[in-house]
């Protein structure tokens, strides 16, 4: 059975993904940005996995919407 997250955790992950996106926009690689934010937030393996999936999904949606790259 998949684990669920509550509204507080969902907002925490959303904020973390936005911070990672800001770091990427400032020149960090996506991996380094996700790692930095996850460490700073004290995330465990499950939240790190969700954060990485959310970041990647956001990037893919951005590329789909613009019809090209969104780097």
C-alpha atoms as a PDB file:
ATOM      1  CA  UNK A   1       0.000   0.000   0.000  1.00  0.00           C
ATOM      2  CA  UNK A   2       1.468   3.397  -0.936  1.00  0.00           C
ATOM      3  CA  UNK A   3       2.151   5.859   1.835  1.00  0.00           C
ATOM      4  CA  UNK A   4       0.243   9.106   1.903  1.00  0.00           C
ATOM      5  CA  UNK A   5       1.286  12.543   3.062  1.00  0.00           C
ATOM      6  CA  UNK A   6      -0.788  15.085   4.912  1.00  0.00           C
ATOM      7  CA  UNK A   7      -1.427  18.685   3.847  1.00  0.00           C
ATOM      8  CA  UNK A   8       1.482  20.011   5.932  1.00  0.00           C
ATOM      9  CA  UNK A   9       3.950  17.589   4.355  1.00  0.00           C
ATOM     10  CA  UNK A  10       2.561  18.352   0.905  1.00  0.00           C
ATOM     11  CA  UNK A  11       3.168  22.074   1.428  1.00  0.00           C
ATOM     12  CA  UNK A  12       6.640  21.344   2.818  1.00  0.00           C
ATOM     13  CA  UNK A  13       7.517  19.363  -0.316  1.00  0.00           C
ATOM     14  CA  UNK A  14       6.075  22.035  -2.603  1.00  0.00           C
ATOM     15  CA  UNK A  15       8.141  24.714  -0.881  1.00  0.00           C
ATOM     16  CA  UNK A  16      11.246  22.534  -1.115  1.00  0.00           C
ATOM     17  CA  UNK A  17      10.760  21.937  -4.845  1.00  0.00           C
ATOM     18  CA  UNK A  18      10.331  25.679  -5.408  1.00  0.00           C
ATOM     19  CA  UNK A  19      13.570  26.351  -3.475  1.00  0.00           C
ATOM     20  CA  UNK A  20      15.369  23.734  -5.558  1.00  0.00           C
ATOM     21  CA  UNK A  21      14.051  25.401  -8.711  1.00  0.00           C
ATOM     22  CA  UNK A  22      15.398  28.746  -7.492  1.00  0.00           C
ATOM     23  CA  UNK A  23      18.819  27.162  -6.915  1.00  0.00           C
ATOM     24  CA  UNK A  24      18.769  25.669 -10.426  1.00  0.00           C
ATOM     25  CA  UNK A  25      17.832  29.052 -11.882  1.00  0.00           C
ATOM     26  CA  UNK A  26      20.817  30.506 -10.016  1.00  0.00           C
ATOM     27  CA  UNK A  27      23.169  27.995 -11.661  1.00  0.00           C
ATOM     28  CA  UNK A  28      23.160  24.814  -9.561  1.00  0.00           C
ATOM     29  CA  UNK A  29      22.594  21.446 -11.161  1.00  0.00           C
ATOM     30  CA  UNK A  30      19.207  19.882 -10.377  1.00  0.00           C
ATOM     31  CA  UNK A  31      20.848  17.058  -8.412  1.00  0.00           C
ATOM     32  CA  UNK A  32      22.878  19.473  -6.291  1.00  0.00           C
ATOM     33  CA  UNK A  33      19.861  21.722  -5.716  1.00  0.00           C
ATOM     34  CA  UNK A  34      17.592  18.870  -4.608  1.00  0.00           C
ATOM     35  CA  UNK A  35      20.340  17.500  -2.365  1.00  0.00           C
ATOM     36  CA  UNK A  36      20.981  20.901  -0.752  1.00  0.00           C
ATOM     37  CA  UNK A  37      17.335  21.614  -0.040  1.00  0.00           C
ATOM     38  CA  UNK A  38      16.708  18.066   1.206  1.00  0.00           C
ATOM     39  CA  UNK A  39      19.682  18.279   3.583  1.00  0.00           C
ATOM     40  CA  UNK A  40      18.708  21.760   4.780  1.00  0.00           C
ATOM     41  CA  UNK A  41      15.148  20.517   5.400  1.00  0.00           C
ATOM     42  CA  UNK A  42      16.263  17.324   7.148  1.00  0.00           C
ATOM     43  CA  UNK A  43      14.357  15.077   4.743  1.00  0.00           C
ATOM     44  CA  UNK A  44      14.660  11.323   4.928  1.00  0.00           C
ATOM     45  CA  UNK A  45      14.840   8.966   1.951  1.00  0.00           C
ATOM     46  CA  UNK A  46      11.076   8.914   1.300  1.00  0.00           C
ATOM     47  CA  UNK A  47      10.707  12.675   1.125  1.00  0.00           C
ATOM     48  CA  UNK A  48      13.876  12.999  -0.944  1.00  0.00           C
ATOM     49  CA  UNK A  49      12.432  10.530  -3.458  1.00  0.00           C
ATOM     50  CA  UNK A  50       9.122  12.434  -3.570  1.00  0.00           C
ATOM     51  CA  UNK A  51      10.942  15.735  -3.952  1.00  0.00           C
ATOM     52  CA  UNK A  52      13.009  14.416  -6.850  1.00  0.00           C
ATOM     53  CA  UNK A  53       9.907  13.016  -8.537  1.00  0.00           C
ATOM     54  CA  UNK A  54       8.025  16.289  -8.062  1.00  0.00           C
ATOM     55  CA  UNK A  55      10.922  18.327  -9.454  1.00  0.00           C
ATOM     56  CA  UNK A  56      11.263  16.052 -12.490  1.00  0.00           C
ATOM     57  CA  UNK A  57       7.524  16.055 -13.131  1.00  0.00           C
ATOM     58  CA  UNK A  58       7.472  19.845 -12.960  1.00  0.00           C
ATOM     59  CA  UNK A  59      10.308  20.076 -15.467  1.00  0.00           C
ATOM     60  CA  UNK A  60       8.600  17.650 -17.838  1.00  0.00           C
ATOM     61  CA  UNK A  61       5.329  19.560 -17.633  1.00  0.00           C
ATOM     62  CA  UNK A  62       7.166  22.806 -18.294  1.00  0.00           C
ATOM     63  CA  UNK A  63       8.803  21.315 -21.378  1.00  0.00           C
ATOM     64  CA  UNK A  64       5.495  19.927 -22.587  1.00  0.00           C
ATOM     65  CA  UNK A  65       3.749  23.291 -22.145  1.00  0.00           C
ATOM     66  CA  UNK A  66       6.466  25.245 -23.949  1.00  0.00           C
ATOM     67  CA  UNK A  67       6.983  22.640 -26.624  1.00  0.00           C
ATOM     68  CA  UNK A  68      10.726  22.481 -26.046  1.00  0.00           C
ATOM     69  CA  UNK A  69      13.385  22.555 -23.395  1.00  0.00           C
ATOM     70  CA  UNK A  70      12.851  24.169 -20.026  1.00  0.00           C
ATOM     71  CA  UNK A  71      16.334  24.208 -18.592  1.00  0.00           C
END
